[in-house]
């Protein structure tokens, strides 16, 4: 347990610095509330209607397709770096992986997920 003493002291300093900074900013900041300052400023306009609207499913489907292709890109970079050292078996493994991703893309394309309506 004595090996972690430095970690605990460091964590205590981090938490203490955060708390002291927040308290000091609360005490030292100027507080001049104004109706203009308290107004909504998001997009420069007052919100119209309810915030609880349902988004079309297409938004979520496009997000899922984006995540799939983002995962593809994440796996391609390290593979490209070690391809020369590992050889041809690594190429065929990645070809199968890209083929599975391609099948997913074809399915999404045929279902019309990639068409913005």
N, C-alpha and C. Protein backbone atom coordinates (compact mmCIF):
# COMPACT_ATOMS: atom_id res chain seq x y z
N UNK A 1 0.82 -1.20 0.00
CA UNK A 1 0.00 0.00 0.00
C UNK A 1 0.87 1.27 0.00
N UNK A 2 2.08 1.17 0.54
CA UNK A 2 2.93 2.36 0.60
C UNK A 2 3.38 2.80 -0.79
N UNK A 3 3.34 1.90 -1.77
CA UNK A 3 3.70 2.26 -3.13
C UNK A 3 2.69 3.20 -3.77
N UNK A 4 1.47 3.19 -3.27
CA UNK A 4 0.42 4.04 -3.82
C UNK A 4 0.26 5.36 -3.08
N UNK A 5 1.09 5.62 -2.11
CA UNK A 5 0.97 6.86 -1.34
C UNK A 5 1.15 8.07 -2.24
N UNK A 6 2.12 8.02 -3.12
CA UNK A 6 2.33 9.14 -4.05
C UNK A 6 1.13 9.38 -4.95
N UNK A 7 0.49 8.29 -5.38
CA UNK A 7 -0.70 8.42 -6.24
C UNK A 7 -1.84 9.07 -5.47
N UNK A 8 -2.01 8.64 -4.22
CA UNK A 8 -3.09 9.22 -3.42
C UNK A 8 -2.83 10.70 -3.12
N UNK A 9 -1.59 11.05 -2.82
CA UNK A 9 -1.25 12.45 -2.57
C UNK A 9 -1.47 13.27 -3.83
N UNK A 10 -1.06 12.75 -4.98
CA UNK A 10 -1.25 13.46 -6.24
C UNK A 10 -2.74 13.64 -6.54
N UNK A 11 -3.55 12.59 -6.32
CA UNK A 11 -4.99 12.68 -6.53
C UNK A 11 -5.61 13.70 -5.58
N UNK A 12 -5.12 13.75 -4.35
CA UNK A 12 -5.63 14.73 -3.38
C UNK A 12 -5.32 16.15 -3.84
N UNK A 13 -4.11 16.36 -4.37
CA UNK A 13 -3.76 17.68 -4.91
C UNK A 13 -4.64 18.05 -6.10
N UNK A 14 -4.92 17.10 -6.96
CA UNK A 14 -5.76 17.38 -8.12
C UNK A 14 -7.17 17.78 -7.70
N UNK A 15 -7.77 17.00 -6.81
CA UNK A 15 -9.12 17.31 -6.34
C UNK A 15 -9.12 18.63 -5.57
N UNK A 16 -8.11 18.83 -4.73
CA UNK A 16 -8.03 20.08 -3.97
C UNK A 16 -7.89 21.29 -4.87
N UNK A 17 -7.06 21.17 -5.91
CA UNK A 17 -6.90 22.29 -6.84
C UNK A 17 -8.21 22.61 -7.54
N UNK A 18 -8.94 21.57 -7.95
CA UNK A 18 -10.22 21.80 -8.60
C UNK A 18 -11.22 22.48 -7.69
N UNK A 19 -11.33 22.01 -6.46
CA UNK A 19 -12.29 22.59 -5.52
C UNK A 19 -11.90 24.02 -5.17
N UNK A 20 -10.62 24.26 -4.87
CA UNK A 20 -10.17 25.61 -4.53
C UNK A 20 -10.37 26.56 -5.71
N UNK A 21 -10.12 26.11 -6.92
CA UNK A 21 -10.31 26.97 -8.10
C UNK A 21 -11.77 27.34 -8.28
N UNK A 22 -12.66 26.37 -8.12
CA UNK A 22 -14.08 26.66 -8.28
C UNK A 22 -14.59 27.60 -7.19
N UNK A 23 -14.17 27.39 -5.96
CA UNK A 23 -14.60 28.26 -4.87
C UNK A 23 -14.04 29.67 -5.06
N UNK A 24 -12.77 29.78 -5.44
CA UNK A 24 -12.17 31.09 -5.65
C UNK A 24 -12.85 31.84 -6.79
N UNK A 25 -13.17 31.15 -7.86
CA UNK A 25 -13.84 31.83 -8.96
C UNK A 25 -15.24 32.28 -8.57
N UNK A 26 -15.91 31.49 -7.76
CA UNK A 26 -17.26 31.87 -7.30
C UNK A 26 -17.20 33.10 -6.40
N UNK A 27 -16.17 33.19 -5.56
CA UNK A 27 -16.06 34.30 -4.61
C UNK A 27 -15.57 35.57 -5.32
N UNK A 28 -14.65 35.45 -6.24
CA UNK A 28 -14.01 36.62 -6.84
C UNK A 28 -14.69 37.16 -8.10
N UNK A 29 -15.57 36.41 -8.70
CA UNK A 29 -16.17 36.86 -9.96
C UNK A 29 -17.17 37.98 -9.72
N UNK A 30 -17.31 38.87 -10.68
CA UNK A 30 -18.36 39.89 -10.56
C UNK A 30 -19.72 39.27 -10.85
N UNK A 31 -20.71 39.69 -10.10
CA UNK A 31 -22.06 39.16 -10.30
C UNK A 31 -22.99 40.32 -10.57
N UNK A 32 -23.27 40.56 -11.84
CA UNK A 32 -24.18 41.63 -12.24
C UNK A 32 -25.25 41.05 -13.15
N UNK A 33 -26.26 40.39 -12.58
CA UNK A 33 -27.31 39.82 -13.43
C UNK A 33 -28.06 40.91 -14.18
N UNK A 34 -28.40 40.60 -15.40
CA UNK A 34 -29.07 41.55 -16.27
C UNK A 34 -30.09 40.75 -17.08
N UNK A 35 -31.25 41.30 -17.36
CA UNK A 35 -32.21 40.53 -18.17
C UNK A 35 -31.66 40.12 -19.53
N UNK A 36 -30.82 40.95 -20.11
CA UNK A 36 -30.22 40.60 -21.41
C UNK A 36 -29.30 39.39 -21.25
N UNK A 37 -28.54 39.36 -20.17
CA UNK A 37 -27.62 38.24 -19.95
C UNK A 37 -28.36 36.94 -19.67
N UNK A 38 -29.55 37.03 -19.12
CA UNK A 38 -30.30 35.85 -18.74
C UNK A 38 -31.19 35.32 -19.87
N UNK A 39 -31.20 35.98 -21.03
CA UNK A 39 -32.02 35.53 -22.15
C UNK A 39 -31.38 34.35 -22.86
N UNK A 40 -32.20 33.63 -23.63
CA UNK A 40 -31.67 32.55 -24.46
C UNK A 40 -30.79 33.13 -25.55
N UNK A 41 -29.70 32.45 -25.83
CA UNK A 41 -28.82 32.91 -26.90
C UNK A 41 -28.49 31.81 -27.89
N UNK A 42 -29.12 30.67 -27.77
CA UNK A 42 -28.84 29.57 -28.68
C UNK A 42 -29.39 29.92 -30.06
N UNK A 43 -28.54 29.95 -31.04
CA UNK A 43 -28.87 30.24 -32.44
C UNK A 43 -29.46 31.63 -32.62
N UNK A 44 -29.45 32.44 -31.61
CA UNK A 44 -29.93 33.80 -31.73
C UNK A 44 -31.44 33.94 -31.82
N UNK A 45 -32.19 32.90 -31.59
CA UNK A 45 -33.64 32.98 -31.71
C UNK A 45 -34.30 32.26 -30.54
N UNK A 46 -35.47 32.70 -30.22
CA UNK A 46 -36.24 32.03 -29.18
C UNK A 46 -36.73 30.69 -29.71
N UNK A 47 -36.72 29.65 -28.89
CA UNK A 47 -37.20 28.36 -29.36
C UNK A 47 -38.70 28.38 -29.62
N UNK A 48 -39.09 27.65 -30.67
CA UNK A 48 -40.50 27.58 -31.04
C UNK A 48 -40.93 26.13 -30.94
N UNK A 49 -41.99 25.86 -30.24
CA UNK A 49 -42.50 24.50 -30.14
C UNK A 49 -41.84 23.71 -29.03
N UNK A 50 -42.21 22.46 -28.97
CA UNK A 50 -41.71 21.58 -27.93
C UNK A 50 -40.33 21.05 -28.29
N UNK A 51 -39.52 20.81 -27.28
CA UNK A 51 -38.21 20.24 -27.50
C UNK A 51 -38.28 18.72 -27.62
N UNK A 52 -39.41 18.14 -27.35
CA UNK A 52 -39.56 16.68 -27.35
C UNK A 52 -40.16 16.21 -28.67
N UNK A 53 -39.44 16.47 -29.76
CA UNK A 53 -39.89 15.99 -31.06
C UNK A 53 -39.13 14.72 -31.41
N UNK A 54 -39.71 13.90 -32.26
CA UNK A 54 -39.05 12.67 -32.68
C UNK A 54 -38.30 12.93 -33.99
N UNK A 55 -37.05 12.52 -34.00
CA UNK A 55 -36.25 12.64 -35.21
C UNK A 55 -36.53 11.45 -36.10
N UNK A 56 -36.41 11.63 -37.40
CA UNK A 56 -36.58 10.49 -38.30
C UNK A 56 -35.51 9.43 -38.05
N UNK A 57 -35.85 8.20 -38.29
CA UNK A 57 -34.94 7.08 -38.06
C UNK A 57 -33.71 7.19 -38.96
N UNK A 58 -33.83 7.87 -40.08
CA UNK A 58 -32.71 8.02 -41.00
C UNK A 58 -31.49 8.66 -40.35
N UNK A 59 -31.70 9.58 -39.40
CA UNK A 59 -30.58 10.19 -38.70
C UNK A 59 -29.76 9.12 -37.98
N UNK A 60 -30.45 8.23 -37.29
CA UNK A 60 -29.76 7.20 -36.52
C UNK A 60 -29.10 6.16 -37.42
N UNK A 61 -29.76 5.83 -38.54
CA UNK A 61 -29.17 4.86 -39.46
C UNK A 61 -27.90 5.41 -40.10
N UNK A 62 -27.91 6.67 -40.47
CA UNK A 62 -26.71 7.28 -41.04
C UNK A 62 -25.60 7.32 -39.99
N UNK A 63 -25.94 7.57 -38.74
CA UNK A 63 -24.94 7.57 -37.68
C UNK A 63 -24.33 6.19 -37.49
N UNK A 64 -25.15 5.16 -37.55
CA UNK A 64 -24.64 3.80 -37.40
C UNK A 64 -23.72 3.43 -38.56
N UNK A 65 -24.11 3.79 -39.78
CA UNK A 65 -23.26 3.51 -40.94
C UNK A 65 -21.94 4.27 -40.82
N UNK A 66 -22.00 5.50 -40.33
CA UNK A 66 -20.76 6.27 -40.13
C UNK A 66 -19.85 5.57 -39.12
N UNK A 67 -20.40 5.07 -38.03
CA UNK A 67 -19.59 4.40 -37.02
C UNK A 67 -18.94 3.14 -37.59
N UNK A 68 -19.68 2.41 -38.43
CA UNK A 68 -19.11 1.21 -39.04
C UNK A 68 -17.91 1.57 -39.90
N UNK A 69 -18.03 2.59 -40.74
CA UNK A 69 -16.91 2.95 -41.60
C UNK A 69 -15.80 3.64 -40.83
N UNK A 70 -16.12 4.28 -39.72
CA UNK A 70 -15.09 4.84 -38.87
C UNK A 70 -14.27 3.71 -38.23
N UNK A 71 -14.94 2.64 -37.82
CA UNK A 71 -14.22 1.49 -37.27
C UNK A 71 -13.33 0.87 -38.34
N UNK A 72 -13.79 0.85 -39.56
CA UNK A 72 -12.97 0.34 -40.65
C UNK A 72 -11.69 1.15 -40.78
N UNK A 73 -11.81 2.46 -40.75
CA UNK A 73 -10.63 3.32 -40.88
C UNK A 73 -9.68 3.12 -39.70
N UNK A 74 -10.22 2.94 -38.51
CA UNK A 74 -9.37 2.74 -37.33
C UNK A 74 -8.56 1.46 -37.46
N UNK A 75 -9.14 0.41 -38.01
CA UNK A 75 -8.43 -0.84 -38.15
C UNK A 75 -7.49 -0.87 -39.35
N UNK A 76 -7.72 -0.04 -40.34
CA UNK A 76 -6.87 -0.06 -41.53
C UNK A 76 -5.49 0.56 -41.29
N UNK A 77 -5.39 1.59 -40.47
CA UNK A 77 -4.11 2.26 -40.27
C UNK A 77 -3.07 1.36 -39.60
N UNK A 78 -3.37 0.72 -38.47
CA UNK A 78 -2.35 -0.17 -37.89
C UNK A 78 -2.03 -1.36 -38.80
N UNK A 79 -3.02 -1.84 -39.51
CA UNK A 79 -2.80 -2.96 -40.44
C UNK A 79 -1.82 -2.54 -41.53
N UNK A 80 -1.98 -1.34 -42.04
CA UNK A 80 -1.09 -0.87 -43.10
C UNK A 80 0.34 -0.72 -42.60
N UNK A 81 0.51 -0.40 -41.33
CA UNK A 81 1.85 -0.24 -40.78
C UNK A 81 2.59 -1.56 -40.62
N UNK A 82 1.87 -2.64 -40.31
CA UNK A 82 2.54 -3.91 -40.06
C UNK A 82 2.42 -4.89 -41.23
N UNK A 83 1.82 -4.47 -42.32
CA UNK A 83 1.58 -5.38 -43.44
C UNK A 83 2.87 -5.97 -43.98
N UNK A 84 3.91 -5.17 -44.11
CA UNK A 84 5.17 -5.66 -44.64
C UNK A 84 5.81 -6.70 -43.73
N UNK A 85 5.67 -6.54 -42.43
CA UNK A 85 6.30 -7.47 -41.49
C UNK A 85 5.51 -8.77 -41.36
N UNK A 86 4.19 -8.70 -41.46
CA UNK A 86 3.37 -9.89 -41.25
C UNK A 86 3.22 -10.70 -42.53
N UNK A 87 3.06 -10.03 -43.65
CA UNK A 87 3.02 -10.74 -44.91
C UNK A 87 1.62 -10.95 -45.48
N UNK A 88 1.54 -11.90 -46.40
CA UNK A 88 0.32 -12.16 -47.15
C UNK A 88 -0.86 -12.64 -46.30
N UNK A 89 -0.67 -13.43 -45.24
CA UNK A 89 -1.84 -13.82 -44.44
C UNK A 89 -2.60 -12.63 -43.85
N UNK A 90 -1.86 -11.59 -43.46
CA UNK A 90 -2.51 -10.39 -42.93
C UNK A 90 -3.33 -9.70 -44.02
N UNK A 91 -2.84 -9.75 -45.24
CA UNK A 91 -3.59 -9.15 -46.34
C UNK A 91 -4.93 -9.85 -46.52
N UNK A 92 -4.94 -11.19 -46.48
CA UNK A 92 -6.18 -11.92 -46.70
C UNK A 92 -7.15 -11.76 -45.53
N UNK A 93 -6.63 -11.66 -44.33
CA UNK A 93 -7.50 -11.41 -43.18
C UNK A 93 -8.18 -10.05 -43.31
N UNK A 94 -7.41 -9.04 -43.71
CA UNK A 94 -8.01 -7.71 -43.87
C UNK A 94 -8.94 -7.69 -45.07
N UNK A 95 -8.65 -8.47 -46.11
CA UNK A 95 -9.55 -8.54 -47.26
C UNK A 95 -10.90 -9.12 -46.85
N UNK A 96 -10.89 -10.11 -45.98
CA UNK A 96 -12.16 -10.68 -45.47
C UNK A 96 -12.90 -9.63 -44.64
N UNK A 97 -12.17 -8.92 -43.79
CA UNK A 97 -12.78 -7.87 -42.97
C UNK A 97 -13.42 -6.78 -43.83
N UNK A 98 -12.67 -6.31 -44.82
CA UNK A 98 -13.21 -5.27 -45.71
C UNK A 98 -14.39 -5.83 -46.51
N UNK A 99 -14.33 -7.11 -46.88
CA UNK A 99 -15.46 -7.73 -47.58
C UNK A 99 -16.72 -7.75 -46.73
N UNK A 100 -16.58 -8.05 -45.44
CA UNK A 100 -17.75 -8.03 -44.54
C UNK A 100 -18.30 -6.61 -44.43
N UNK A 101 -17.41 -5.63 -44.30
CA UNK A 101 -17.86 -4.23 -44.24
C UNK A 101 -18.54 -3.84 -45.55
N UNK A 102 -18.00 -4.30 -46.68
CA UNK A 102 -18.60 -4.01 -47.98
C UNK A 102 -19.99 -4.62 -48.09
N UNK A 103 -20.17 -5.83 -47.57
CA UNK A 103 -21.51 -6.43 -47.57
C UNK A 103 -22.48 -5.59 -46.75
N UNK A 104 -22.02 -5.07 -45.62
CA UNK A 104 -22.88 -4.18 -44.81
C UNK A 104 -23.23 -2.91 -45.55
N UNK A 105 -22.26 -2.37 -46.28
CA UNK A 105 -22.53 -1.16 -47.05
C UNK A 105 -23.53 -1.45 -48.17
N UNK A 106 -23.36 -2.57 -48.85
CA UNK A 106 -24.31 -2.93 -49.92
C UNK A 106 -25.72 -3.12 -49.37
N UNK A 107 -25.81 -3.75 -48.21
CA UNK A 107 -27.13 -3.93 -47.59
C UNK A 107 -27.76 -2.58 -47.26
N UNK A 108 -26.96 -1.68 -46.67
CA UNK A 108 -27.48 -0.35 -46.34
C UNK A 108 -27.88 0.40 -47.60
N UNK A 109 -27.11 0.24 -48.67
CA UNK A 109 -27.43 0.92 -49.93
C UNK A 109 -28.73 0.38 -50.53
N UNK A 110 -28.90 -0.94 -50.50
CA UNK A 110 -30.11 -1.54 -51.07
C UNK A 110 -31.35 -1.20 -50.26
N UNK A 111 -31.18 -1.03 -48.94
CA UNK A 111 -32.32 -0.67 -48.09
C UNK A 111 -32.65 0.82 -48.18
N UNK A 112 -31.79 1.60 -48.82
CA UNK A 112 -32.05 3.02 -48.99
C UNK A 112 -31.62 3.86 -47.80
N UNK A 113 -30.78 3.31 -46.92
CA UNK A 113 -30.35 4.05 -45.75
C UNK A 113 -29.48 5.24 -46.14
N UNK A 114 -28.70 5.11 -47.18
CA UNK A 114 -27.77 6.15 -47.58
C UNK A 114 -28.41 7.27 -48.39
N UNK A 115 -29.67 7.13 -48.73
CA UNK A 115 -30.39 8.17 -49.48
C UNK A 115 -31.06 9.11 -48.49
N UNK A 116 -30.74 10.39 -48.60
CA UNK A 116 -31.33 11.37 -47.71
C UNK A 116 -32.69 11.78 -48.25
N UNK A 117 -33.71 11.63 -47.41
CA UNK A 117 -35.07 11.92 -47.87
C UNK A 117 -35.59 13.17 -47.25
